[in-house]
PDB file of N, CA and C in Angstrom:
ATOM      1  N   UNK A   1     187.192 -47.477-142.190  1.00  0.00           N
ATOM      2  CA  UNK A   1     187.867 -48.479-142.984  1.00  0.00           C
ATOM      3  C   UNK A   1     187.618 -49.870-142.398  1.00  0.00           C
ATOM      4  N   UNK A   2     187.647 -49.984-141.092  1.00  0.00           N
ATOM      5  CA  UNK A   2     187.397 -51.267-140.435  1.00  0.00           C
ATOM      6  C   UNK A   2     185.955 -51.706-140.702  1.00  0.00           C
ATOM      7  N   UNK A   3     185.017 -50.739-140.704  1.00  0.00           N
ATOM      8  CA  UNK A   3     183.624 -51.062-140.988  1.00  0.00           C
ATOM      9  C   UNK A   3     183.487 -51.644-142.397  1.00  0.00           C
ATOM     10  N   UNK A   4     184.181 -51.037-143.363  1.00  0.00           N
ATOM     11  CA  UNK A   4     184.124 -51.543-144.736  1.00  0.00           C
ATOM     12  C   UNK A   4     184.656 -52.960-144.824  1.00  0.00           C
ATOM     13  N   UNK A   5     185.752 -53.186-144.166  1.00  0.00           N
ATOM     14  CA  UNK A   5     186.348 -54.515-144.210  1.00  0.00           C
ATOM     15  C   UNK A   5     185.402 -55.551-143.595  1.00  0.00           C
ATOM     16  N   UNK A   6     184.836 -55.218-142.437  1.00  0.00           N
ATOM     17  CA  UNK A   6     183.908 -56.148-141.790  1.00  0.00           C
ATOM     18  C   UNK A   6     182.686 -56.409-142.674  1.00  0.00           C
ATOM     19  N   UNK A   7     182.239 -55.365-143.329  1.00  0.00           N
ATOM     20  CA  UNK A   7     181.045 -55.462-144.154  1.00  0.00           C
ATOM     21  C   UNK A   7     181.255 -56.329-145.394  1.00  0.00           C
ATOM     22  N   UNK A   8     182.437 -56.250-146.011  1.00  0.00           N
ATOM     23  CA  UNK A   8     182.639 -56.891-147.311  1.00  0.00           C
ATOM     24  C   UNK A   8     183.581 -58.094-147.328  1.00  0.00           C
ATOM     25  N   UNK A   9     184.376 -58.301-146.294  1.00  0.00           N
ATOM     26  CA  UNK A   9     185.381 -59.376-146.306  1.00  0.00           C
ATOM     27  C   UNK A   9     184.758 -60.760-146.533  1.00  0.00           C
ATOM     28  N   UNK A  10     183.742 -61.097-145.750  1.00  0.00           N
ATOM     29  CA  UNK A  10     183.134 -62.425-145.892  1.00  0.00           C
ATOM     30  C   UNK A  10     182.506 -62.626-147.269  1.00  0.00           C
ATOM     31  N   UNK A  11     181.852 -61.590-147.788  1.00  0.00           N
ATOM     32  CA  UNK A  11     181.268 -61.698-149.129  1.00  0.00           C
ATOM     33  C   UNK A  11     182.347 -61.932-150.176  1.00  0.00           C
ATOM     34  N   UNK A  12     183.451 -61.208-150.056  1.00  0.00           N
ATOM     35  CA  UNK A  12     184.551 -61.381-151.014  1.00  0.00           C
ATOM     36  C   UNK A  12     185.080 -62.812-150.969  1.00  0.00           C
ATOM     37  N   UNK A  13     185.253 -63.336-149.759  1.00  0.00           N
ATOM     38  CA  UNK A  13     185.744 -64.716-149.608  1.00  0.00           C
ATOM     39  C   UNK A  13     184.775 -65.714-150.234  1.00  0.00           C
ATOM     40  N   UNK A  14     183.492 -65.543-149.952  1.00  0.00           N
ATOM     41  CA  UNK A  14     182.487 -66.457-150.495  1.00  0.00           C
ATOM     42  C   UNK A  14     182.411 -66.391-152.020  1.00  0.00           C
ATOM     43  N   UNK A  15     182.470 -65.200-152.556  1.00  0.00           N
ATOM     44  CA  UNK A  15     182.436 -65.037-154.019  1.00  0.00           C
ATOM     45  C   UNK A  15     183.678 -65.649-154.648  1.00  0.00           C
ATOM     46  N   UNK A  16     184.829 -65.408-154.058  1.00  0.00           N
ATOM     47  CA  UNK A  16     186.069 -65.998-154.574  1.00  0.00           C
ATOM     48  C   UNK A  16     185.979 -67.525-154.569  1.00  0.00           C
ATOM     49  N   UNK A  17     185.475 -68.069-153.483  1.00  0.00           N
ATOM     50  CA  UNK A  17     185.362 -69.530-153.358  1.00  0.00           C
ATOM     51  C   UNK A  17     184.373 -70.085-154.391  1.00  0.00           C
ATOM     52  N   UNK A  18     183.290 -69.353-154.630  1.00  0.00           N
ATOM     53  CA  UNK A  18     182.250 -69.832-155.541  1.00  0.00           C
ATOM     54  C   UNK A  18     182.589 -69.661-157.011  1.00  0.00           C
ATOM     55  N   UNK A  19     183.294 -68.590-157.365  1.00  0.00           N
ATOM     56  CA  UNK A  19     183.472 -68.258-158.779  1.00  0.00           C
ATOM     57  C   UNK A  19     184.916 -68.230-159.267  1.00  0.00           C
ATOM     58  N   UNK A  20     185.870 -68.119-158.374  1.00  0.00           N
ATOM     59  CA  UNK A  20     187.269 -67.978-158.786  1.00  0.00           C
ATOM     60  C   UNK A  20     188.133 -69.010-158.063  1.00  0.00           C
ATOM     61  N   UNK A  21     189.246 -69.322-158.655  1.00  0.00           N
ATOM     62  CA  UNK A  21     190.186 -70.259-158.019  1.00  0.00           C
ATOM     63  C   UNK A  21     191.250 -69.526-157.217  1.00  0.00           C
ATOM     64  N   UNK A  22     191.081 -68.252-157.065  1.00  0.00           N
ATOM     65  CA  UNK A  22     192.046 -67.429-156.326  1.00  0.00           C
ATOM     66  C   UNK A  22     191.291 -66.314-155.617  1.00  0.00           C
ATOM     67  N   UNK A  23     191.923 -65.623-154.683  1.00  0.00           N
ATOM     68  CA  UNK A  23     191.237 -64.572-153.911  1.00  0.00           C
ATOM     69  C   UNK A  23     191.159 -63.249-154.700  1.00  0.00           C
ATOM     70  N   UNK A  24     190.544 -63.290-155.849  1.00  0.00           N
ATOM     71  CA  UNK A  24     190.495 -62.122-156.725  1.00  0.00           C
ATOM     72  C   UNK A  24     189.752 -60.956-156.058  1.00  0.00           C
ATOM     73  N   UNK A  25     188.545 -61.180-155.583  1.00  0.00           N
ATOM     74  CA  UNK A  25     187.772 -60.097-154.949  1.00  0.00           C
ATOM     75  C   UNK A  25     188.366 -59.670-153.613  1.00  0.00           C
ATOM     76  N   UNK A  26     188.893 -60.621-152.879  1.00  0.00           N
ATOM     77  CA  UNK A  26     189.510 -60.277-151.605  1.00  0.00           C
ATOM     78  C   UNK A  26     190.739 -59.400-151.822  1.00  0.00           C
ATOM     79  N   UNK A  27     191.521 -59.714-152.835  1.00  0.00           N
ATOM     80  CA  UNK A  27     192.679 -58.872-153.167  1.00  0.00           C
ATOM     81  C   UNK A  27     192.236 -57.482-153.623  1.00  0.00           C
ATOM     82  N   UNK A  28     191.169 -57.437-154.402  1.00  0.00           N
ATOM     83  CA  UNK A  28     190.647 -56.142-154.849  1.00  0.00           C
ATOM     84  C   UNK A  28     190.166 -55.322-153.650  1.00  0.00           C
ATOM     85  N   UNK A  29     189.539 -55.990-152.694  1.00  0.00           N
ATOM     86  CA  UNK A  29     189.099 -55.307-151.471  1.00  0.00           C
ATOM     87  C   UNK A  29     190.303 -54.744-150.722  1.00  0.00           C
ATOM     88  N   UNK A  30     191.366 -55.528-150.602  1.00  0.00           N
ATOM     89  CA  UNK A  30     192.582 -55.055-149.921  1.00  0.00           C
ATOM     90  C   UNK A  30     193.160 -53.819-150.610  1.00  0.00           C
ATOM     91  N   UNK A  31     193.202 -53.855-151.937  1.00  0.00           N
ATOM     92  CA  UNK A  31     193.739 -52.700-152.686  1.00  0.00           C
ATOM     93  C   UNK A  31     192.874 -51.461-152.473  1.00  0.00           C
ATOM     94  N   UNK A  32     191.562 -51.651-152.470  1.00  0.00           N
ATOM     95  CA  UNK A  32     190.687 -50.487-152.277  1.00  0.00           C
ATOM     96  C   UNK A  32     190.782 -49.945-150.852  1.00  0.00           C
ATOM     97  N   UNK A  33     190.963 -50.824-149.888  1.00  0.00           N
ATOM     98  CA  UNK A  33     191.094 -50.363-148.495  1.00  0.00           C
ATOM     99  C   UNK A  33     192.373 -49.554-148.296  1.00  0.00           C
ATOM    100  N   UNK A  34     193.426 -49.877-149.058  1.00  0.00           N
ATOM    101  CA  UNK A  34     194.680 -49.107-148.969  1.00  0.00           C
ATOM    102  C   UNK A  34     194.486 -47.672-149.431  1.00  0.00           C
ATOM    103  N   UNK A  35     193.512 -47.439-150.307  1.00  0.00           N
ATOM    104  CA  UNK A  35     193.259 -46.106-150.859  1.00  0.00           C
ATOM    105  C   UNK A  35     192.219 -45.313-150.058  1.00  0.00           C
ATOM    106  N   UNK A  36     191.619 -45.955-149.080  1.00  0.00           N
ATOM    107  CA  UNK A  36     190.548 -45.343-148.310  1.00  0.00           C
ATOM    108  C   UNK A  36     191.068 -44.178-147.477  1.00  0.00           C
ATOM    109  N   UNK A  37     190.296 -43.094-147.469  1.00  0.00           N
ATOM    110  CA  UNK A  37     190.639 -41.946-146.631  1.00  0.00           C
ATOM    111  C   UNK A  37     190.382 -42.285-145.171  1.00  0.00           C
ATOM    112  N   UNK A  38     191.191 -41.747-144.266  1.00  0.00           N
ATOM    113  CA  UNK A  38     191.009 -42.057-142.841  1.00  0.00           C
ATOM    114  C   UNK A  38     189.690 -41.521-142.276  1.00  0.00           C
ATOM    115  N   UNK A  39     189.201 -40.423-142.801  1.00  0.00           N
ATOM    116  CA  UNK A  39     187.955 -39.820-142.343  1.00  0.00           C
ATOM    117  C   UNK A  39     187.016 -39.653-143.543  1.00  0.00           C
ATOM    118  N   UNK A  40     185.717 -39.755-143.319  1.00  0.00           N
ATOM    119  CA  UNK A  40     184.771 -39.546-144.423  1.00  0.00           C
ATOM    120  C   UNK A  40     184.928 -38.140-145.009  1.00  0.00           C
ATOM    121  N   UNK A  41     184.810 -38.065-146.313  1.00  0.00           N
ATOM    122  CA  UNK A  41     184.922 -36.780-146.992  1.00  0.00           C
ATOM    123  C   UNK A  41     183.569 -36.071-146.944  1.00  0.00           C
ATOM    124  N   UNK A  42     183.595 -34.771-146.789  1.00  0.00           N
ATOM    125  CA  UNK A  42     182.376 -33.975-146.723  1.00  0.00           C
ATOM    126  C   UNK A  42     181.616 -34.039-148.045  1.00  0.00           C
ATOM    127  N   UNK A  43     180.287 -34.070-147.944  1.00  0.00           N
ATOM    128  CA  UNK A  43     179.437 -34.014-149.133  1.00  0.00           C
ATOM    129  C   UNK A  43     178.730 -32.660-149.240  1.00  0.00           C
ATOM    130  N   UNK A  44     179.131 -31.728-148.390  1.00  0.00           N
ATOM    131  CA  UNK A  44     178.525 -30.401-148.401  1.00  0.00           C
ATOM    132  C   UNK A  44     179.196 -29.539-149.464  1.00  0.00           C
ATOM    133  N   UNK A  45     178.416 -28.966-150.374  1.00  0.00           N
ATOM    134  CA  UNK A  45     179.007 -28.132-151.431  1.00  0.00           C
ATOM    135  C   UNK A  45     179.890 -27.010-150.889  1.00  0.00           C
ATOM    136  N   UNK A  46     179.487 -26.410-149.772  1.00  0.00           N
ATOM    137  CA  UNK A  46     180.256 -25.277-149.235  1.00  0.00           C
ATOM    138  C   UNK A  46     181.683 -25.671-148.837  1.00  0.00           C
ATOM    139  N   UNK A  47     181.909 -26.963-148.610  1.00  0.00           N
ATOM    140  CA  UNK A  47     183.250 -27.421-148.254  1.00  0.00           C
ATOM    141  C   UNK A  47     184.144 -27.626-149.474  1.00  0.00           C
ATOM    142  N   UNK A  48     183.568 -27.528-150.661  1.00  0.00           N
ATOM    143  CA  UNK A  48     184.340 -27.780-151.876  1.00  0.00           C
ATOM    144  C   UNK A  48     184.230 -26.673-152.926  1.00  0.00           C
ATOM    145  N   UNK A  49     183.184 -25.856-152.825  1.00  0.00           N
ATOM    146  CA  UNK A  49     182.934 -24.834-153.841  1.00  0.00           C
ATOM    147  C   UNK A  49     182.891 -23.452-153.201  1.00  0.00           C
ATOM    148  N   UNK A  50     183.232 -22.459-153.990  1.00  0.00           N
ATOM    149  CA  UNK A  50     183.167 -21.082-153.490  1.00  0.00           C
ATOM    150  C   UNK A  50     181.707 -20.646-153.381  1.00  0.00           C
ATOM    151  N   UNK A  51     181.476 -19.618-152.571  1.00  0.00           N
ATOM    152  CA  UNK A  51     180.122 -19.083-152.404  1.00  0.00           C
ATOM    153  C   UNK A  51     179.583 -18.601-153.745  1.00  0.00           C
ATOM    154  N   UNK A  52     180.453 -17.999-154.547  1.00  0.00           N
ATOM    155  CA  UNK A  52     180.044 -17.502-155.862  1.00  0.00           C
ATOM    156  C   UNK A  52     179.599 -18.652-156.770  1.00  0.00           C
ATOM    157  N   UNK A  53     180.347 -19.733-156.770  1.00  0.00           N
ATOM    158  CA  UNK A  53     179.981 -20.874-157.618  1.00  0.00           C
ATOM    159  C   UNK A  53     178.668 -21.492-157.150  1.00  0.00           C
ATOM    160  N   UNK A  54     178.463 -21.574-155.849  1.00  0.00           N
ATOM    161  CA  UNK A  54     177.207 -22.110-155.321  1.00  0.00           C
ATOM    162  C   UNK A  54     176.036 -21.228-155.750  1.00  0.00           C
ATOM    163  N   UNK A  55     176.201 -19.892-155.691  1.00  0.00           N
ATOM    164  CA  UNK A  55     175.142 -18.975-156.148  1.00  0.00           C
ATOM    165  C   UNK A  55     174.842 -19.203-157.629  1.00  0.00           C
ATOM    166  N   UNK A  56     175.881 -19.377-158.444  1.00  0.00           N
ATOM    167  CA  UNK A  56     175.673 -19.614-159.877  1.00  0.00           C
ATOM    168  C   UNK A  56     174.925 -20.923-160.119  1.00  0.00           C
ATOM    169  N   UNK A  57     175.265 -21.943-159.375  1.00  0.00           N
ATOM    170  CA  UNK A  57     174.589 -23.240-159.515  1.00  0.00           C
ATOM    171  C   UNK A  57     173.125 -23.114-159.118  1.00  0.00           C
ATOM    172  N   UNK A  58     172.863 -22.406-158.013  1.00  0.00           N
ATOM    173  CA  UNK A  58     171.481 -22.228-157.565  1.00  0.00           C
ATOM    174  C   UNK A  58     170.672 -21.434-158.586  1.00  0.00           C
ATOM    175  N   UNK A  59     171.273 -20.395-159.158  1.00  0.00           N
ATOM    176  CA  UNK A  59     170.592 -19.587-160.177  1.00  0.00           C
ATOM    177  C   UNK A  59     170.298 -20.438-161.409  1.00  0.00           C
ATOM    178  N   UNK A  60     171.273 -21.206-161.836  1.00  0.00           N
ATOM    179  CA  UNK A  60     171.088 -22.067-162.991  1.00  0.00           C
ATOM    180  C   UNK A  60     170.027 -23.135-162.703  1.00  0.00           C
ATOM    181  N   UNK A  61     170.021 -23.688-161.504  1.00  0.00           N
ATOM    182  CA  UNK A  61     169.021 -24.698-161.137  1.00  0.00           C
ATOM    183  C   UNK A  61     167.609 -24.116-161.219  1.00  0.00           C
ATOM    184  N   UNK A  62     167.445 -22.866-160.802  1.00  0.00           N
ATOM    185  CA  UNK A  62     166.130 -22.215-160.900  1.00  0.00           C
ATOM    186  C   UNK A  62     165.706 -22.061-162.355  1.00  0.00           C
ATOM    187  N   UNK A  63     166.652 -21.669-163.200  1.00  0.00           N
ATOM    188  CA  UNK A  63     166.347 -21.543-164.640  1.00  0.00           C
ATOM    189  C   UNK A  63     165.959 -22.890-165.235  1.00  0.00           C
ATOM    190  N   UNK A  64     166.719 -23.918-164.894  1.00  0.00           N
ATOM    191  CA  UNK A  64     166.443 -25.251-165.426  1.00  0.00           C
ATOM    192  C   UNK A  64     165.064 -25.722-164.965  1.00  0.00           C
ATOM    193  N   UNK A  65     164.755 -25.536-163.688  1.00  0.00           N
ATOM    194  CA  UNK A  65     163.447 -25.954-163.161  1.00  0.00           C
ATOM    195  C   UNK A  65     162.312 -25.249-163.892  1.00  0.00           C
ATOM    196  N   UNK A  66     162.476 -23.972-164.155  1.00  0.00           N
ATOM    197  CA  UNK A  66     161.463 -23.210-164.874  1.00  0.00           C
ATOM    198  C   UNK A  66     161.304 -23.728-166.305  1.00  0.00           C
ATOM    199  N   UNK A  67     162.428 -23.988-166.952  1.00  0.00           N
ATOM    200  CA  UNK A  67     162.388 -24.511-168.325  1.00  0.00           C
ATOM    201  C   UNK A  67     161.703 -25.881-168.361  1.00  0.00           C
ATOM    202  N   UNK A  68     162.007 -26.727-167.394  1.00  0.00           N
ATOM    203  CA  UNK A  68     161.392 -28.056-167.338  1.00  0.00           C
ATOM    204  C   UNK A  68     159.883 -27.932-167.165  1.00  0.00           C
ATOM    205  N   UNK A  69     159.452 -27.016-166.288  1.00  0.00           N
ATOM    206  CA  UNK A  69     158.018 -26.816-166.065  1.00  0.00           C
ATOM    207  C   UNK A  69     157.301 -26.387-167.347  1.00  0.00           C
ATOM    208  N   UNK A  70     157.968 -25.564-168.161  1.00  0.00           N
ATOM    209  CA  UNK A  70     157.340 -25.040-169.368  1.00  0.00           C
ATOM    210  C   UNK A  70     157.456 -25.964-170.576  1.00  0.00           C
ATOM    211  N   UNK A  71     158.467 -26.812-170.602  1.00  0.00           N
ATOM    212  CA  UNK A  71     158.681 -27.677-171.773  1.00  0.00           C
ATOM    213  C   UNK A  71     159.103 -29.085-171.336  1.00  0.00           C
ATOM    214  N   UNK A  72     158.241 -29.792-170.592  1.00  0.00           N
ATOM    215  CA  UNK A  72     158.649 -31.097-170.058  1.00  0.00           C
ATOM    216  C   UNK A  72     158.986 -32.124-171.141  1.00  0.00           C
ATOM    217  N   UNK A  73     158.266 -32.133-172.253  1.00  0.00           N
ATOM    218  CA  UNK A  73     158.539 -33.115-173.312  1.00  0.00           C
ATOM    219  C   UNK A  73     159.928 -32.909-173.909  1.00  0.00           C
ATOM    220  N   UNK A  74     160.303 -31.662-174.074  1.00  0.00           N
ATOM    221  CA  UNK A  74     161.635 -31.350-174.591  1.00  0.00           C
ATOM    222  C   UNK A  74     162.695 -31.877-173.636  1.00  0.00           C
ATOM    223  N   UNK A  75     162.515 -31.625-172.347  1.00  0.00           N
ATOM    224  CA  UNK A  75     163.500 -32.055-171.354  1.00  0.00           C
ATOM    225  C   UNK A  75     163.567 -33.564-171.231  1.00  0.00           C
ATOM    226  N   UNK A  76     162.437 -34.246-171.417  1.00  0.00           N
ATOM    227  CA  UNK A  76     162.467 -35.707-171.415  1.00  0.00           C
ATOM    228  C   UNK A  76     163.333 -36.221-172.561  1.00  0.00           C
ATOM    229  N   UNK A  77     163.159 -35.645-173.739  1.00  0.00           N
ATOM    230  CA  UNK A  77     163.940 -36.070-174.900  1.00  0.00           C
ATOM    231  C   UNK A  77     165.421 -35.763-174.716  1.00  0.00           C
ATOM    232  N   UNK A  78     165.736 -34.563-174.258  1.00  0.00           N
ATOM    233  CA  UNK A  78     167.132 -34.173-174.044  1.00  0.00           C
ATOM    234  C   UNK A  78     167.771 -35.053-172.972  1.00  0.00           C
ATOM    235  N   UNK A  79     167.054 -35.285-171.889  1.00  0.00           N
ATOM    236  CA  UNK A  79     167.561 -36.134-170.814  1.00  0.00           C
ATOM    237  C   UNK A  79     167.867 -37.539-171.331  1.00  0.00           C
ATOM    238  N   UNK A  80     166.970 -38.088-172.112  1.00  0.00           N
ATOM    239  CA  UNK A  80     167.196 -39.426-172.662  1.00  0.00           C
ATOM    240  C   UNK A  80     168.435 -39.494-173.525  1.00  0.00           C
ATOM    241  N   UNK A  81     168.627 -38.506-174.357  1.00  0.00           N
ATOM    242  CA  UNK A  81     169.804 -38.468-175.238  1.00  0.00           C
ATOM    243  C   UNK A  81     171.075 -38.344-174.410  1.00  0.00           C
ATOM    244  N   UNK A  82     171.108 -37.397-173.487  1.00  0.00           N
ATOM    245  CA  UNK A  82     172.320 -37.145-172.702  1.00  0.00           C
ATOM    246  C   UNK A  82     172.672 -38.310-171.788  1.00  0.00           C
ATOM    247  N   UNK A  83     171.686 -39.080-171.355  1.00  0.00           N
ATOM    248  CA  UNK A  83     171.951 -40.217-170.473  1.00  0.00           C
ATOM    249  C   UNK A  83     172.209 -41.499-171.260  1.00  0.00           C
ATOM    250  N   UNK A  84     172.041 -41.443-172.570  1.00  0.00           N
ATOM    251  CA  UNK A  84     172.382 -42.587-173.401  1.00  0.00           C
ATOM    252  C   UNK A  84     171.289 -43.607-173.619  1.00  0.00           C
ATOM    253  N   UNK A  85     170.064 -43.298-173.224  1.00  0.00           N
ATOM    254  CA  UNK A  85     169.004 -44.265-173.474  1.00  0.00           C
ATOM    255  C   UNK A  85     167.926 -43.737-174.412  1.00  0.00           C
ATOM    256  N   UNK A  86     168.087 -42.533-174.885  1.00  0.00           N
ATOM    257  CA  UNK A  86     167.182 -41.987-175.888  1.00  0.00           C
ATOM    258  C   UNK A  86     167.839 -42.053-177.255  1.00  0.00           C
ATOM    259  N   UNK A  87     167.115 -41.619-178.244  1.00  0.00           N
ATOM    260  CA  UNK A  87     167.661 -41.622-179.601  1.00  0.00           C
ATOM    261  C   UNK A  87     167.546 -40.229-180.200  1.00  0.00           C
ATOM    262  N   UNK A  88     168.367 -39.989-181.180  1.00  0.00           N
ATOM    263  CA  UNK A  88     168.308 -38.703-181.885  1.00  0.00           C
ATOM    264  C   UNK A  88     166.928 -38.523-182.524  1.00  0.00           C
ATOM    265  N   UNK A  89     166.295 -39.617-182.872  1.00  0.00           N
ATOM    266  CA  UNK A  89     164.966 -39.549-183.478  1.00  0.00           C
ATOM    267  C   UNK A  89     163.985 -38.837-182.559  1.00  0.00           C
ATOM    268  N   UNK A  90     164.123 -39.067-181.246  1.00  0.00           N
ATOM    269  CA  UNK A  90     163.243 -38.386-180.292  1.00  0.00           C
ATOM    270  C   UNK A  90     163.402 -36.877-180.394  1.00  0.00           C
ATOM    271  N   UNK A  91     164.649 -36.421-180.505  1.00  0.00           N
ATOM    272  CA  UNK A  91     164.872 -34.979-180.622  1.00  0.00           C
ATOM    273  C   UNK A  91     164.352 -34.468-181.949  1.00  0.00           C
ATOM    274  N   UNK A  92     164.555 -35.234-183.002  1.00  0.00           N
ATOM    275  CA  UNK A  92     164.104 -34.812-184.318  1.00  0.00           C
ATOM    276  C   UNK A  92     162.578 -34.779-184.399  1.00  0.00           C
ATOM    277  N   UNK A  93     161.913 -35.632-183.605  1.00  0.00           N
ATOM    278  CA  UNK A  93     160.447 -35.698-183.653  1.00  0.00           C
ATOM    279  C   UNK A  93     159.786 -34.510-182.963  1.00  0.00           C
ATOM    280  N   UNK A  94     160.555 -33.730-182.235  1.00  0.00           N
ATOM    281  CA  UNK A  94     159.987 -32.548-181.605  1.00  0.00           C
ATOM    282  C   UNK A  94     159.553 -31.573-182.684  1.00  0.00           C
ATOM    283  N   UNK A  95     158.448 -30.913-182.475  1.00  0.00           N
ATOM    284  CA  UNK A  95     157.957 -29.960-183.451  1.00  0.00           C
ATOM    285  C   UNK A  95     158.859 -28.744-183.578  1.00  0.00           C
ATOM    286  N   UNK A  96     158.604 -27.938-184.607  1.00  0.00           N
ATOM    287  CA  UNK A  96     159.410 -26.740-184.849  1.00  0.00           C
ATOM    288  C   UNK A  96     159.383 -25.782-183.656  1.00  0.00           C
ATOM    289  N   UNK A  97     158.245 -25.705-182.959  1.00  0.00           N
ATOM    290  CA  UNK A  97     158.132 -24.816-181.796  1.00  0.00           C
ATOM    291  C   UNK A  97     159.028 -25.283-180.654  1.00  0.00           C
ATOM    292  N   UNK A  98     159.415 -26.547-180.678  1.00  0.00           N
ATOM    293  CA  UNK A  98     160.209 -27.104-179.590  1.00  0.00           C
ATOM    294  C   UNK A  98     161.708 -27.115-179.886  1.00  0.00           C
ATOM    295  N   UNK A  99     162.109 -26.697-181.065  1.00  0.00           N
ATOM    296  CA  UNK A  99     163.540 -26.709-181.418  1.00  0.00           C
ATOM    297  C   UNK A  99     164.332 -25.708-180.578  1.00  0.00           C
ATOM    298  N   UNK A 100     163.788 -24.523-180.377  1.00  0.00           N
ATOM    299  CA  UNK A 100     164.496 -23.511-179.576  1.00  0.00           C
ATOM    300  C   UNK A 100     164.587 -23.962-178.114  1.00  0.00           C
ATOM    301  N   UNK A 101     163.484 -24.434-177.494  1.00  0.00           N
ATOM    302  CA  UNK A 101     163.628 -24.950-176.127  1.00  0.00           C
ATOM    303  C   UNK A 101     164.598 -26.127-176.047  1.00  0.00           C
ATOM    304  N   UNK A 102     164.636 -26.965-177.074  1.00  0.00           N
ATOM    305  CA  UNK A 102     165.584 -28.091-177.092  1.00  0.00           C
ATOM    306  C   UNK A 102     167.012 -27.570-177.052  1.00  0.00           C
ATOM    307  N   UNK A 103     167.314 -26.620-177.908  1.00  0.00           N
ATOM    308  CA  UNK A 103     168.675 -26.062-177.946  1.00  0.00           C
ATOM    309  C   UNK A 103     169.014 -25.363-176.637  1.00  0.00           C
ATOM    310  N   UNK A 104     168.027 -24.650-176.067  1.00  0.00           N
ATOM    311  CA  UNK A 104     168.247 -23.973-174.788  1.00  0.00           C
ATOM    312  C   UNK A 104     168.496 -24.996-173.681  1.00  0.00           C
ATOM    313  N   UNK A 105     167.774 -26.109-173.713  1.00  0.00           N
ATOM    314  CA  UNK A 105     167.963 -27.165-172.710  1.00  0.00           C
ATOM    315  C   UNK A 105     169.378 -27.728-172.785  1.00  0.00           C
ATOM    316  N   UNK A 106     169.848 -27.975-173.983  1.00  0.00           N
ATOM    317  CA  UNK A 106     171.194 -28.529-174.149  1.00  0.00           C
ATOM    318  C   UNK A 106     172.243 -27.540-173.646  1.00  0.00           C
ATOM    319  N   UNK A 107     172.053 -26.271-173.945  1.00  0.00           N
ATOM    320  CA  UNK A 107     172.996 -25.238-173.476  1.00  0.00           C
ATOM    321  C   UNK A 107     172.998 -25.169-171.950  1.00  0.00           C
ATOM    322  N   UNK A 108     171.817 -25.217-171.328  1.00  0.00           N
ATOM    323  CA  UNK A 108     171.746 -25.153-169.866  1.00  0.00           C
ATOM    324  C   UNK A 108     172.409 -26.371-169.226  1.00  0.00           C
ATOM    325  N   UNK A 109     172.237 -27.525-169.817  1.00  0.00           N
ATOM    326  CA  UNK A 109     172.889 -28.732-169.291  1.00  0.00           C
ATOM    327  C   UNK A 109     174.402 -28.588-169.397  1.00  0.00           C
ATOM    328  N   UNK A 110     174.880 -28.064-170.525  1.00  0.00           N
ATOM    329  CA  UNK A 110     176.324 -27.859-170.690  1.00  0.00           C
ATOM    330  C   UNK A 110     176.852 -26.858-169.662  1.00  0.00           C
ATOM    331  N   UNK A 111     176.107 -25.795-169.397  1.00  0.00           N
ATOM    332  CA  UNK A 111     176.516 -24.815-168.383  1.00  0.00           C
ATOM    333  C   UNK A 111     176.571 -25.466-166.998  1.00  0.00           C
ATOM    334  N   UNK A 112     175.588 -26.284-166.706  1.00  0.00           N
ATOM    335  CA  UNK A 112     175.573 -26.973-165.400  1.00  0.00           C
ATOM    336  C   UNK A 112     176.797 -27.866-165.263  1.00  0.00           C
ATOM    337  N   UNK A 113     177.119 -28.579-166.320  1.00  0.00           N
ATOM    338  CA  UNK A 113     178.289 -29.465-166.282  1.00  0.00           C
ATOM    339  C   UNK A 113     179.566 -28.662-166.037  1.00  0.00           C
ATOM    340  N   UNK A 114     179.674 -27.504-166.653  1.00  0.00           N
ATOM    341  CA  UNK A 114     180.864 -26.660-166.454  1.00  0.00           C
ATOM    342  C   UNK A 114     180.946 -26.159-165.015  1.00  0.00           C
ATOM    343  N   UNK A 115     179.821 -25.793-164.437  1.00  0.00           N
ATOM    344  CA  UNK A 115     179.815 -25.262-163.078  1.00  0.00           C
ATOM    345  C   UNK A 115     180.188 -26.302-162.029  1.00  0.00           C
ATOM    346  N   UNK A 116     179.784 -27.540-162.237  1.00  0.00           N
ATOM    347  CA  UNK A 116     180.043 -28.543-161.212  1.00  0.00           C
ATOM    348  C   UNK A 116     181.298 -29.345-161.471  1.00  0.00           C
ATOM    349  N   UNK A 117     181.931 -29.115-162.598  1.00  0.00           N
ATOM    350  CA  UNK A 117     183.164 -29.869-162.915  1.00  0.00           C
ATOM    351  C   UNK A 117     184.343 -29.327-162.144  1.00  0.00           C
TER     352      UNK A 117
END
């Protein structure tokens, strides 16, 4: 927490002085520091997920990787749509042979979201 404060305090002060007539960013920094955990939180899946859930995620990841290898254009279109920078037209432009892989890609993404939620 002290490292964060040292890292950002001066920037907050300078930004407040340059853009605001009050310590808006400095106050926001203070509020966020009050919510900071005393120790860093683990980023290791095993510390948050059961062994069974990790196995399911790994199995699903293998399926997704295989699907991407076999139908990269489909996955590019699906990825663009799901991330908000593609258009439905991209999905519609896929040929008839790609409709089933498209639907399978969407289902696999939904399964992944359920597993990691």
